[in-house]
N, C-alpha and C. Protein backbone atom coordinates (compact mmCIF):
# COMPACT_ATOMS: atom_id res chain seq x y z
N MET A 1 -106.40 69.63 -99.31
CA MET A 1 -106.52 69.63 -100.77
C MET A 1 -105.58 70.68 -101.39
N LEU A 2 -105.61 71.87 -100.75
CA LEU A 2 -104.77 72.95 -101.24
C LEU A 2 -103.30 72.57 -101.12
N LYS A 3 -102.98 71.85 -100.05
CA LYS A 3 -101.60 71.42 -99.82
C LYS A 3 -101.14 70.50 -100.94
N HIS A 4 -102.01 69.59 -101.38
CA HIS A 4 -101.68 68.66 -102.47
C HIS A 4 -101.42 69.41 -103.77
N TRP A 5 -102.22 70.45 -103.99
CA TRP A 5 -102.04 71.25 -105.23
C TRP A 5 -100.68 71.95 -105.22
N ARG A 6 -100.27 72.46 -104.07
CA ARG A 6 -98.97 73.14 -103.96
C ARG A 6 -97.82 72.17 -104.24
N VAL A 7 -97.91 70.98 -103.65
CA VAL A 7 -96.88 69.96 -103.85
C VAL A 7 -96.81 69.58 -105.31
N LEU A 8 -97.96 69.44 -105.97
CA LEU A 8 -98.04 69.08 -107.38
C LEU A 8 -97.43 70.17 -108.26
N ALA A 9 -97.76 71.45 -107.93
CA ALA A 9 -97.23 72.58 -108.71
C ALA A 9 -95.71 72.66 -108.56
N ARG A 10 -95.19 72.43 -107.33
CA ARG A 10 -93.75 72.50 -107.08
C ARG A 10 -93.03 71.40 -107.84
N SER A 11 -93.59 70.20 -107.82
CA SER A 11 -92.96 69.06 -108.52
C SER A 11 -92.98 69.29 -110.03
N PHE A 12 -94.03 69.92 -110.53
CA PHE A 12 -94.14 70.20 -111.97
C PHE A 12 -93.09 71.23 -112.39
N ALA A 13 -92.91 72.26 -111.56
CA ALA A 13 -91.93 73.31 -111.85
C ALA A 13 -90.51 72.74 -111.84
N THR A 14 -90.23 71.84 -110.87
CA THR A 14 -88.90 71.22 -110.78
C THR A 14 -88.64 70.34 -111.99
N ALA A 15 -89.66 69.60 -112.40
CA ALA A 15 -89.52 68.70 -113.55
C ALA A 15 -89.29 69.50 -114.83
N SER A 16 -89.97 70.64 -114.98
CA SER A 16 -89.82 71.47 -116.19
C SER A 16 -88.43 72.11 -116.23
N GLU A 17 -87.90 72.49 -115.05
CA GLU A 17 -86.55 73.08 -115.01
C GLU A 17 -85.50 72.04 -115.39
N GLU A 18 -85.67 70.80 -114.91
CA GLU A 18 -84.72 69.74 -115.25
C GLU A 18 -84.79 69.37 -116.72
N ALA A 19 -86.00 69.41 -117.28
CA ALA A 19 -86.18 69.03 -118.68
C ALA A 19 -85.61 70.10 -119.61
N ALA A 20 -85.71 71.40 -119.23
CA ALA A 20 -85.25 72.48 -120.11
C ALA A 20 -83.72 72.55 -120.08
N PRO A 21 -83.06 72.68 -121.23
CA PRO A 21 -81.58 72.77 -121.25
C PRO A 21 -81.13 74.12 -120.69
N LYS A 22 -79.99 74.11 -119.96
CA LYS A 22 -79.47 75.33 -119.38
C LYS A 22 -78.79 76.17 -120.47
N VAL A 23 -79.09 77.47 -120.46
CA VAL A 23 -78.54 78.39 -121.47
C VAL A 23 -77.38 79.14 -120.85
N ASP A 24 -76.25 79.17 -121.57
CA ASP A 24 -75.07 79.92 -121.10
C ASP A 24 -75.25 81.38 -121.53
N VAL A 25 -75.64 82.22 -120.56
CA VAL A 25 -75.92 83.62 -120.88
C VAL A 25 -74.64 84.43 -121.12
N SER A 26 -73.47 83.89 -120.71
CA SER A 26 -72.22 84.63 -120.89
C SER A 26 -71.73 84.57 -122.34
N TYR A 27 -72.12 83.55 -123.08
CA TYR A 27 -71.69 83.33 -124.46
C TYR A 27 -70.18 83.22 -124.58
N LEU A 28 -69.52 82.78 -123.50
CA LEU A 28 -68.07 82.57 -123.55
C LEU A 28 -67.77 81.23 -124.20
N ARG A 29 -66.62 81.16 -124.84
CA ARG A 29 -66.18 79.88 -125.40
C ARG A 29 -65.75 78.97 -124.25
N PRO A 30 -65.75 77.65 -124.48
CA PRO A 30 -65.38 76.72 -123.40
C PRO A 30 -64.03 77.05 -122.78
N ARG A 31 -63.06 77.45 -123.63
CA ARG A 31 -61.72 77.79 -123.15
C ARG A 31 -61.77 78.94 -122.15
N HIS A 32 -62.54 79.97 -122.53
CA HIS A 32 -62.64 81.16 -121.69
C HIS A 32 -63.45 80.90 -120.42
N ARG A 33 -64.43 79.97 -120.51
CA ARG A 33 -65.19 79.59 -119.32
C ARG A 33 -64.28 78.91 -118.29
N ILE A 34 -63.34 78.09 -118.80
CA ILE A 34 -62.39 77.41 -117.91
C ILE A 34 -61.50 78.43 -117.22
N ILE A 35 -61.00 79.41 -118.01
CA ILE A 35 -60.12 80.45 -117.45
C ILE A 35 -60.88 81.28 -116.41
N ALA A 36 -62.16 81.64 -116.75
CA ALA A 36 -62.97 82.44 -115.83
C ALA A 36 -63.24 81.70 -114.53
N ALA A 37 -63.33 80.36 -114.62
CA ALA A 37 -63.59 79.55 -113.43
C ALA A 37 -62.31 79.30 -112.64
N GLY A 38 -61.16 79.79 -113.14
CA GLY A 38 -59.89 79.62 -112.42
C GLY A 38 -59.17 78.35 -112.79
N GLY A 39 -59.61 77.69 -113.86
CA GLY A 39 -58.96 76.44 -114.28
C GLY A 39 -57.85 76.68 -115.29
N MET A 40 -57.25 75.58 -115.75
CA MET A 40 -56.17 75.64 -116.72
C MET A 40 -56.69 75.13 -118.06
N PRO A 41 -56.73 75.99 -119.08
CA PRO A 41 -57.28 75.56 -120.36
C PRO A 41 -56.33 74.60 -121.08
N PRO A 42 -56.86 73.72 -121.92
CA PRO A 42 -55.99 72.79 -122.66
C PRO A 42 -55.24 73.54 -123.77
N ILE A 43 -54.13 72.94 -124.22
CA ILE A 43 -53.36 73.55 -125.32
C ILE A 43 -54.10 73.27 -126.62
N GLN A 44 -54.43 74.37 -127.34
CA GLN A 44 -55.20 74.23 -128.58
C GLN A 44 -54.45 74.75 -129.80
N PHE A 45 -53.69 75.81 -129.62
CA PHE A 45 -53.09 76.50 -130.77
C PHE A 45 -51.61 76.19 -130.88
N ASP A 46 -51.09 76.33 -132.11
CA ASP A 46 -49.66 76.07 -132.34
C ASP A 46 -48.79 77.07 -131.58
N SER A 47 -49.28 78.29 -131.45
CA SER A 47 -48.49 79.31 -130.74
C SER A 47 -48.29 78.94 -129.27
N GLU A 48 -49.22 78.15 -128.72
CA GLU A 48 -49.11 77.74 -127.31
C GLU A 48 -48.05 76.64 -127.12
N ARG A 49 -47.64 76.04 -128.23
CA ARG A 49 -46.61 74.99 -128.15
C ARG A 49 -45.20 75.57 -128.27
N GLU A 50 -45.12 76.87 -128.57
CA GLU A 50 -43.80 77.51 -128.66
C GLU A 50 -43.19 77.66 -127.27
N ARG A 51 -41.89 77.81 -127.26
CA ARG A 51 -41.17 77.79 -125.99
C ARG A 51 -41.55 78.96 -125.08
N THR A 52 -41.67 80.14 -125.67
CA THR A 52 -42.03 81.31 -124.85
C THR A 52 -43.41 81.15 -124.23
N SER A 53 -44.36 80.61 -125.01
CA SER A 53 -45.72 80.39 -124.50
C SER A 53 -45.72 79.33 -123.40
N ARG A 54 -44.90 78.29 -123.59
CA ARG A 54 -44.83 77.23 -122.58
C ARG A 54 -44.23 77.77 -121.28
N ARG A 55 -43.25 78.67 -121.41
CA ARG A 55 -42.68 79.30 -120.22
C ARG A 55 -43.73 80.14 -119.49
N GLU A 56 -44.52 80.89 -120.27
CA GLU A 56 -45.59 81.68 -119.67
C GLU A 56 -46.60 80.77 -118.97
N ARG A 57 -46.89 79.63 -119.60
CA ARG A 57 -47.86 78.68 -119.02
C ARG A 57 -47.34 78.16 -117.68
N PHE A 58 -46.04 77.87 -117.63
CA PHE A 58 -45.45 77.41 -116.37
C PHE A 58 -45.51 78.52 -115.33
N GLY A 59 -45.29 79.75 -115.76
CA GLY A 59 -45.36 80.89 -114.84
C GLY A 59 -46.75 81.06 -114.24
N LYS A 60 -47.79 80.76 -115.03
CA LYS A 60 -49.17 80.92 -114.54
C LYS A 60 -49.60 79.73 -113.67
N TYR A 61 -49.31 78.50 -114.15
CA TYR A 61 -49.92 77.32 -113.52
C TYR A 61 -48.92 76.43 -112.78
N GLY A 62 -47.62 76.78 -112.86
CA GLY A 62 -46.62 76.02 -112.12
C GLY A 62 -46.43 74.62 -112.67
N LEU A 63 -46.09 73.67 -111.78
CA LEU A 63 -45.82 72.29 -112.19
C LEU A 63 -47.05 71.61 -112.78
N ALA A 64 -48.24 72.10 -112.39
CA ALA A 64 -49.49 71.51 -112.93
C ALA A 64 -49.61 71.72 -114.43
N SER A 65 -48.84 72.67 -114.99
CA SER A 65 -48.91 72.93 -116.43
C SER A 65 -48.33 71.80 -117.25
N GLY A 66 -47.47 70.97 -116.64
CA GLY A 66 -46.86 69.85 -117.36
C GLY A 66 -45.65 70.27 -118.19
N VAL A 67 -45.20 71.50 -118.04
CA VAL A 67 -44.03 71.99 -118.79
C VAL A 67 -42.79 71.55 -118.04
N PRO A 68 -41.82 70.92 -118.75
CA PRO A 68 -40.57 70.50 -118.06
C PRO A 68 -39.79 71.71 -117.57
N VAL A 69 -39.19 71.59 -116.40
CA VAL A 69 -38.47 72.71 -115.78
C VAL A 69 -37.26 73.12 -116.61
N GLU A 70 -36.63 72.15 -117.30
CA GLU A 70 -35.42 72.47 -118.08
C GLU A 70 -35.71 73.43 -119.23
N GLU A 71 -36.97 73.51 -119.65
CA GLU A 71 -37.31 74.44 -120.73
C GLU A 71 -37.29 75.90 -120.26
N LEU A 72 -37.32 76.12 -118.96
CA LEU A 72 -37.37 77.47 -118.43
C LEU A 72 -36.03 78.17 -118.53
N PHE A 73 -34.94 77.42 -118.57
CA PHE A 73 -33.60 78.02 -118.58
C PHE A 73 -33.16 78.29 -120.02
N PRO A 74 -32.39 79.36 -120.23
CA PRO A 74 -31.92 79.66 -121.59
C PRO A 74 -30.86 78.67 -122.04
N THR A 75 -30.81 78.46 -123.35
CA THR A 75 -29.80 77.56 -123.91
C THR A 75 -28.47 78.32 -124.02
N ALA A 76 -27.40 77.58 -124.33
CA ALA A 76 -26.08 78.19 -124.48
C ALA A 76 -26.09 79.20 -125.63
N GLU A 77 -26.81 78.88 -126.72
CA GLU A 77 -26.89 79.79 -127.87
C GLU A 77 -27.62 81.09 -127.49
N GLU A 78 -28.68 80.96 -126.71
CA GLU A 78 -29.43 82.15 -126.27
C GLU A 78 -28.58 83.04 -125.38
N ILE A 79 -27.80 82.42 -124.51
CA ILE A 79 -26.92 83.20 -123.62
C ILE A 79 -25.87 83.95 -124.44
N GLU A 80 -25.28 83.27 -125.43
CA GLU A 80 -24.28 83.91 -126.30
C GLU A 80 -24.89 85.08 -127.07
N GLU A 81 -26.12 84.86 -127.57
CA GLU A 81 -26.80 85.93 -128.33
C GLU A 81 -27.10 87.13 -127.42
N GLU A 82 -27.55 86.87 -126.20
CA GLU A 82 -27.83 87.94 -125.24
C GLU A 82 -26.56 88.72 -124.90
N GLN A 83 -25.46 87.99 -124.75
CA GLN A 83 -24.19 88.66 -124.44
C GLN A 83 -23.71 89.49 -125.63
N ALA A 84 -23.91 88.95 -126.85
CA ALA A 84 -23.49 89.69 -128.06
C ALA A 84 -24.31 90.96 -128.23
N LEU A 85 -25.61 90.90 -127.91
CA LEU A 85 -26.49 92.07 -128.04
C LEU A 85 -26.40 93.00 -126.84
N GLY A 86 -25.77 92.54 -125.78
CA GLY A 86 -25.67 93.36 -124.58
C GLY A 86 -26.94 93.37 -123.75
N LEU A 87 -27.79 92.35 -123.94
CA LEU A 87 -29.03 92.28 -123.17
C LEU A 87 -28.76 91.83 -121.73
N TYR A 88 -27.69 91.06 -121.58
CA TYR A 88 -27.36 90.56 -120.24
C TYR A 88 -26.03 91.17 -119.81
N ARG A 89 -26.01 91.69 -118.59
CA ARG A 89 -24.77 92.25 -118.05
C ARG A 89 -24.60 91.79 -116.62
N GLU A 90 -23.36 91.78 -116.20
CA GLU A 90 -23.06 91.37 -114.83
C GLU A 90 -23.61 92.40 -113.85
N PHE A 91 -24.06 91.90 -112.72
CA PHE A 91 -24.65 92.78 -111.71
C PHE A 91 -23.65 93.84 -111.24
N ASN A 92 -22.40 93.43 -111.02
CA ASN A 92 -21.38 94.36 -110.54
C ASN A 92 -21.13 95.49 -111.54
N ASP A 93 -21.15 95.14 -112.85
CA ASP A 93 -20.96 96.17 -113.89
C ASP A 93 -22.11 97.17 -113.87
N VAL A 94 -23.33 96.64 -113.76
CA VAL A 94 -24.52 97.50 -113.73
C VAL A 94 -24.50 98.39 -112.49
N LYS A 95 -24.12 97.80 -111.36
CA LYS A 95 -24.07 98.55 -110.11
C LYS A 95 -23.03 99.67 -110.19
N LYS A 96 -21.87 99.35 -110.79
CA LYS A 96 -20.81 100.35 -110.95
C LYS A 96 -21.28 101.50 -111.84
N GLU A 97 -21.92 101.14 -112.94
CA GLU A 97 -22.44 102.17 -113.86
C GLU A 97 -23.49 103.04 -113.18
N TYR A 98 -24.35 102.40 -112.40
CA TYR A 98 -25.39 103.13 -111.67
C TYR A 98 -24.77 104.11 -110.67
N MET A 99 -23.75 103.66 -109.95
CA MET A 99 -23.08 104.52 -108.97
C MET A 99 -22.42 105.72 -109.66
N GLU A 100 -21.80 105.47 -110.83
CA GLU A 100 -21.18 106.56 -111.59
C GLU A 100 -22.22 107.58 -112.04
N LEU A 101 -23.35 107.07 -112.51
CA LEU A 101 -24.44 107.97 -112.93
C LEU A 101 -24.95 108.80 -111.76
N GLN A 102 -25.08 108.15 -110.59
CA GLN A 102 -25.54 108.86 -109.40
C GLN A 102 -24.56 109.95 -108.99
N GLN A 103 -23.24 109.64 -109.09
CA GLN A 103 -22.21 110.63 -108.75
C GLN A 103 -22.25 111.82 -109.70
N LYS A 104 -22.42 111.50 -111.01
CA LYS A 104 -22.51 112.58 -112.01
C LYS A 104 -23.74 113.45 -111.76
N LYS A 105 -24.84 112.79 -111.44
CA LYS A 105 -26.07 113.51 -111.15
C LYS A 105 -25.91 114.42 -109.93
N LYS A 106 -25.25 113.88 -108.89
CA LYS A 106 -25.02 114.65 -107.67
C LYS A 106 -24.11 115.84 -107.94
N ALA A 107 -23.05 115.59 -108.75
CA ALA A 107 -22.11 116.67 -109.09
C ALA A 107 -22.81 117.77 -109.89
N ALA A 108 -23.67 117.35 -110.83
CA ALA A 108 -24.41 118.32 -111.64
C ALA A 108 -25.36 119.14 -110.76
N GLU A 109 -25.98 118.47 -109.79
CA GLU A 109 -26.90 119.16 -108.87
C GLU A 109 -26.15 120.16 -108.00
N GLU A 110 -24.97 119.75 -107.51
CA GLU A 110 -24.16 120.64 -106.69
C GLU A 110 -23.69 121.85 -107.50
N ALA A 111 -23.29 121.60 -108.76
CA ALA A 111 -22.86 122.69 -109.65
C ALA A 111 -24.01 123.66 -109.90
N ARG A 112 -25.20 123.11 -110.08
CA ARG A 112 -26.38 123.96 -110.33
C ARG A 112 -26.70 124.81 -109.10
N LEU A 113 -26.61 124.20 -107.91
CA LEU A 113 -26.86 124.95 -106.68
C LEU A 113 -25.81 126.04 -106.46
N ALA A 114 -24.55 125.72 -106.78
CA ALA A 114 -23.48 126.71 -106.65
C ALA A 114 -23.73 127.88 -107.60
N GLU A 115 -24.17 127.56 -108.83
CA GLU A 115 -24.48 128.61 -109.81
C GLU A 115 -25.64 129.48 -109.33
N LEU A 116 -26.63 128.82 -108.73
CA LEU A 116 -27.78 129.57 -108.20
C LEU A 116 -27.35 130.51 -107.07
N GLU A 117 -26.51 130.01 -106.18
CA GLU A 117 -26.02 130.85 -105.08
C GLU A 117 -25.21 132.04 -105.60
N LYS A 118 -24.38 131.76 -106.62
CA LYS A 118 -23.57 132.81 -107.24
C LYS A 118 -24.47 133.88 -107.87
N ASN A 119 -25.49 133.42 -108.58
CA ASN A 119 -26.43 134.35 -109.22
C ASN A 119 -27.25 135.12 -108.18
N LEU A 120 -27.54 134.45 -107.06
CA LEU A 120 -28.30 135.09 -106.00
C LEU A 120 -27.52 136.24 -105.38
N LYS A 121 -26.19 136.05 -105.25
CA LYS A 121 -25.34 137.13 -104.72
C LYS A 121 -25.28 138.30 -105.70
N LYS A 122 -25.31 137.98 -107.01
CA LYS A 122 -25.26 139.03 -108.03
C LYS A 122 -26.61 139.72 -108.24
N TYR A 123 -27.65 139.10 -107.71
CA TYR A 123 -29.02 139.56 -108.02
C TYR A 123 -29.26 141.03 -107.68
N PRO A 124 -28.90 141.53 -106.46
CA PRO A 124 -29.19 142.93 -106.15
C PRO A 124 -28.56 143.91 -107.15
N ALA A 125 -27.28 143.64 -107.52
CA ALA A 125 -26.60 144.52 -108.48
C ALA A 125 -27.26 144.44 -109.85
N ALA A 126 -27.61 143.21 -110.27
CA ALA A 126 -28.25 143.02 -111.58
C ALA A 126 -29.62 143.70 -111.60
N LEU A 127 -30.37 143.60 -110.48
CA LEU A 127 -31.68 144.24 -110.40
C LEU A 127 -31.55 145.75 -110.46
N ALA A 128 -30.56 146.29 -109.75
CA ALA A 128 -30.35 147.74 -109.76
C ALA A 128 -29.99 148.23 -111.17
N LYS A 129 -29.13 147.45 -111.83
CA LYS A 129 -28.73 147.80 -113.21
C LYS A 129 -29.93 147.77 -114.15
N TYR A 130 -30.76 146.75 -113.98
CA TYR A 130 -31.95 146.61 -114.83
C TYR A 130 -32.91 147.78 -114.60
N GLU A 131 -33.13 148.12 -113.32
CA GLU A 131 -34.04 149.23 -113.00
C GLU A 131 -33.49 150.55 -113.55
N ALA A 132 -32.14 150.72 -113.47
CA ALA A 132 -31.50 151.93 -114.01
C ALA A 132 -31.70 152.00 -115.52
N SER A 133 -31.59 150.84 -116.19
CA SER A 133 -31.78 150.82 -117.65
C SER A 133 -33.23 151.17 -118.00
N LEU A 134 -34.17 150.72 -117.16
CA LEU A 134 -35.59 151.05 -117.39
C LEU A 134 -35.81 152.56 -117.26
N VAL A 135 -35.18 153.15 -116.22
CA VAL A 135 -35.30 154.60 -116.01
C VAL A 135 -34.70 155.35 -117.19
N LYS A 136 -33.53 154.86 -117.67
CA LYS A 136 -32.86 155.49 -118.81
C LYS A 136 -33.73 155.40 -120.05
N GLN A 137 -34.31 154.23 -120.28
CA GLN A 137 -35.20 154.05 -121.44
C GLN A 137 -36.39 155.00 -121.35
N GLU A 138 -36.94 155.12 -120.14
CA GLU A 138 -38.09 156.00 -119.94
C GLU A 138 -37.69 157.44 -120.21
N ARG A 139 -36.48 157.82 -119.74
CA ARG A 139 -36.01 159.18 -119.96
C ARG A 139 -35.80 159.45 -121.45
N GLU A 140 -35.16 158.48 -122.13
CA GLU A 140 -34.94 158.62 -123.56
C GLU A 140 -36.26 158.69 -124.31
N LYS A 141 -37.20 157.88 -123.84
CA LYS A 141 -38.53 157.89 -124.44
C LYS A 141 -39.19 159.26 -124.25
N ASP A 142 -39.03 159.79 -123.03
CA ASP A 142 -39.60 161.12 -122.75
C ASP A 142 -38.96 162.18 -123.63
N ASP A 143 -37.61 162.09 -123.80
CA ASP A 143 -36.89 163.05 -124.65
C ASP A 143 -37.39 162.95 -126.09
N LYS A 144 -37.57 161.70 -126.57
CA LYS A 144 -38.06 161.51 -127.94
C LYS A 144 -39.47 162.05 -128.09
N GLU A 145 -40.30 161.77 -127.09
CA GLU A 145 -41.69 162.25 -127.13
C GLU A 145 -41.72 163.79 -127.11
N LEU A 146 -40.86 164.38 -126.26
CA LEU A 146 -40.80 165.85 -126.20
C LEU A 146 -40.34 166.44 -127.53
N ALA A 147 -39.32 165.79 -128.12
CA ALA A 147 -38.82 166.25 -129.43
C ALA A 147 -39.91 166.14 -130.48
N LEU A 148 -40.65 165.03 -130.44
CA LEU A 148 -41.73 164.83 -131.41
C LEU A 148 -42.83 165.87 -131.21
N GLU A 149 -43.20 166.11 -129.95
CA GLU A 149 -44.23 167.11 -129.66
C GLU A 149 -43.80 168.51 -130.15
N LYS A 150 -42.51 168.79 -129.91
CA LYS A 150 -41.98 170.09 -130.37
C LYS A 150 -42.05 170.18 -131.89
N ARG A 151 -41.70 169.07 -132.54
CA ARG A 151 -41.74 169.04 -134.01
C ARG A 151 -43.17 169.22 -134.52
N ILE A 152 -44.10 168.55 -133.88
CA ILE A 152 -45.52 168.67 -134.28
C ILE A 152 -45.99 170.11 -134.12
N ARG A 153 -45.60 170.73 -133.00
CA ARG A 153 -45.98 172.13 -132.76
C ARG A 153 -45.41 173.05 -133.83
N GLU A 154 -44.14 172.81 -134.19
CA GLU A 154 -43.49 173.64 -135.21
C GLU A 154 -44.22 173.53 -136.55
N ILE A 155 -44.56 172.29 -136.91
CA ILE A 155 -45.26 172.07 -138.19
C ILE A 155 -46.63 172.74 -138.17
N GLN A 156 -47.32 172.59 -137.04
CA GLN A 156 -48.65 173.21 -136.94
C GLN A 156 -48.56 174.73 -137.01
N GLU A 157 -47.52 175.30 -136.35
CA GLU A 157 -47.32 176.77 -136.41
C GLU A 157 -46.92 177.20 -137.81
N TYR A 158 -46.10 176.38 -138.47
CA TYR A 158 -45.61 176.71 -139.81
C TYR A 158 -46.75 176.76 -140.83
N PHE A 159 -47.65 175.75 -140.76
CA PHE A 159 -48.75 175.71 -141.72
C PHE A 159 -49.98 176.47 -141.23
N GLY A 160 -49.99 176.87 -139.96
CA GLY A 160 -51.04 177.75 -139.47
C GLY A 160 -52.30 177.07 -138.98
N TYR A 161 -52.36 175.78 -138.90
CA TYR A 161 -53.55 175.11 -138.36
C TYR A 161 -53.14 173.77 -137.73
N TRP A 162 -54.03 173.32 -136.84
CA TRP A 162 -53.75 172.08 -136.11
C TRP A 162 -54.06 170.88 -136.99
N MET A 163 -53.21 169.84 -136.87
CA MET A 163 -53.47 168.60 -137.61
C MET A 163 -53.05 167.42 -136.75
N ASP A 164 -53.83 166.37 -136.82
CA ASP A 164 -53.54 165.15 -136.04
C ASP A 164 -52.30 164.47 -136.63
N PRO A 165 -51.30 164.15 -135.80
CA PRO A 165 -50.09 163.49 -136.31
C PRO A 165 -50.36 162.14 -136.98
N LYS A 166 -51.51 161.50 -136.65
CA LYS A 166 -51.85 160.21 -137.27
C LYS A 166 -52.45 160.39 -138.66
N ASP A 167 -52.78 161.61 -139.00
CA ASP A 167 -53.35 161.90 -140.33
C ASP A 167 -52.27 161.65 -141.38
N PRO A 168 -52.59 160.94 -142.49
CA PRO A 168 -51.59 160.69 -143.55
C PRO A 168 -51.01 161.98 -144.14
N ARG A 169 -51.80 163.07 -144.17
CA ARG A 169 -51.32 164.34 -144.73
C ARG A 169 -50.23 164.95 -143.85
N PHE A 170 -50.24 164.59 -142.57
CA PHE A 170 -49.23 165.13 -141.65
C PHE A 170 -47.82 164.72 -142.09
N GLU A 171 -47.67 163.46 -142.51
CA GLU A 171 -46.36 162.96 -142.96
C GLU A 171 -45.89 163.73 -144.18
N VAL A 172 -46.82 164.02 -145.08
CA VAL A 172 -46.48 164.78 -146.30
C VAL A 172 -46.02 166.19 -145.91
N MET A 173 -46.75 166.80 -145.00
CA MET A 173 -46.40 168.15 -144.55
C MET A 173 -45.05 168.15 -143.83
N LEU A 174 -44.78 167.08 -143.06
CA LEU A 174 -43.51 166.96 -142.36
C LEU A 174 -42.35 166.89 -143.36
N GLN A 175 -42.53 166.08 -144.40
CA GLN A 175 -41.50 165.95 -145.43
C GLN A 175 -41.29 167.28 -146.16
N GLN A 176 -42.39 167.96 -146.40
CA GLN A 176 -42.32 169.26 -147.09
C GLN A 176 -41.54 170.27 -146.25
N LYS A 177 -41.84 170.31 -144.94
CA LYS A 177 -41.13 171.25 -144.05
C LYS A 177 -39.66 170.89 -143.95
N GLU A 178 -39.36 169.57 -143.84
CA GLU A 178 -37.96 169.14 -143.76
C GLU A 178 -37.20 169.52 -145.03
N ALA A 179 -37.86 169.37 -146.19
CA ALA A 179 -37.22 169.76 -147.45
C ALA A 179 -36.93 171.26 -147.48
N GLU A 180 -37.90 172.05 -147.01
CA GLU A 180 -37.71 173.50 -146.98
C GLU A 180 -36.60 173.89 -146.00
N GLU A 181 -36.52 173.19 -144.87
CA GLU A 181 -35.46 173.47 -143.89
C GLU A 181 -34.09 173.13 -144.47
N LYS A 182 -34.01 171.99 -145.19
CA LYS A 182 -32.75 171.61 -145.82
C LYS A 182 -32.33 172.66 -146.85
N LYS A 183 -33.32 173.11 -147.61
CA LYS A 183 -33.04 174.11 -148.64
C LYS A 183 -32.56 175.41 -147.98
N ALA A 184 -33.21 175.81 -146.87
CA ALA A 184 -32.82 177.03 -146.15
C ALA A 184 -31.42 176.88 -145.56
N ALA A 185 -31.09 175.69 -145.03
CA ALA A 185 -29.77 175.44 -144.46
C ALA A 185 -28.70 175.50 -145.54
N LYS A 186 -29.05 174.97 -146.72
CA LYS A 186 -28.13 174.98 -147.85
C LYS A 186 -27.85 176.42 -148.31
N MET A 187 -28.93 177.17 -148.37
CA MET A 187 -28.79 178.58 -148.79
C MET A 187 -27.96 179.36 -147.77
N ALA A 188 -28.19 179.10 -146.49
CA ALA A 188 -27.44 179.80 -145.43
C ALA A 188 -25.96 179.44 -145.52
N LYS A 189 -25.68 178.19 -145.82
CA LYS A 189 -24.29 177.75 -145.96
C LYS A 189 -23.63 178.43 -147.15
N ARG A 190 -24.39 178.52 -148.25
CA ARG A 190 -23.86 179.17 -149.46
C ARG A 190 -23.57 180.64 -149.19
N ASP A 191 -24.49 181.31 -148.49
CA ASP A 191 -24.28 182.72 -148.15
C ASP A 191 -23.05 182.91 -147.28
N GLU A 192 -22.87 181.96 -146.35
CA GLU A 192 -21.72 182.04 -145.46
C GLU A 192 -20.42 181.90 -146.24
N ILE A 193 -20.41 180.97 -147.22
CA ILE A 193 -19.22 180.77 -148.06
C ILE A 193 -18.92 182.03 -148.89
N GLN A 194 -20.00 182.60 -149.42
CA GLN A 194 -19.83 183.82 -150.23
C GLN A 194 -19.29 184.98 -149.39
N LYS A 195 -19.82 185.10 -148.17
CA LYS A 195 -19.33 186.16 -147.27
C LYS A 195 -17.85 185.96 -146.94
N LYS A 196 -17.47 184.71 -146.73
CA LYS A 196 -16.09 184.38 -146.41
C LYS A 196 -15.17 184.74 -147.57
N ARG A 197 -15.62 184.39 -148.79
CA ARG A 197 -14.81 184.69 -149.98
C ARG A 197 -14.68 186.22 -150.18
N TYR A 198 -15.80 186.89 -149.94
CA TYR A 198 -15.79 188.36 -150.09
C TYR A 198 -14.83 189.00 -149.11
N ALA A 199 -14.83 188.50 -147.86
CA ALA A 199 -13.94 189.03 -146.83
C ALA A 199 -12.48 188.78 -147.21
N GLU A 200 -12.20 187.62 -147.79
CA GLU A 200 -10.84 187.29 -148.22
C GLU A 200 -10.38 188.22 -149.35
N ASN A 201 -11.31 188.52 -150.29
CA ASN A 201 -10.98 189.40 -151.43
C ASN A 201 -10.72 190.82 -150.95
N VAL A 202 -11.51 191.26 -149.99
CA VAL A 202 -11.36 192.64 -149.48
C VAL A 202 -10.01 192.78 -148.78
N GLN A 203 -9.67 191.77 -148.00
CA GLN A 203 -8.42 191.82 -147.25
C GLN A 203 -7.22 191.69 -148.20
N GLY A 204 -7.41 190.88 -149.26
CA GLY A 204 -6.31 190.67 -150.20
C GLY A 204 -6.09 191.88 -151.04
């Protein structure tokens, strides 16, 4: 009895599956379903009737595409246009140009390597010169720093108290001392001139 029920249930399920319409879960258009299945879709659009599209169709599907083989070759007008635009060139010309480019590239590479070797030979002397210039700069820097320190000390001794060189008043004091030194130098020069004139008058 149970066996009969199973057979009945199976036959009912099969009948319901056959009665129900199959749903395309991919939602692809018929054209795309044909392509996905590896088939050749029919020509639908005007763009597919153009020569370039027909050539592509022949490239994909071969003789089965129904495209005449003579359409694959360029016309005399197309060849003339390609030659006028320089799109088509003879193989020998291209090969010659390529060889020339390769020779130029090789020559440039050899020149670069020769320049590198030349610079490599000069490198020890250039490095020594550079290091000497660094030492000289450091020495000059030290001399400048020593001169500045001496100047700071003089200003501090002149005004009688210590002041930070970064203080804005320090610059004012420096200018004041420089002005006084210039004035003293001027006065000393004037005295020297007067002494010279006096000596000339006495001798005369």
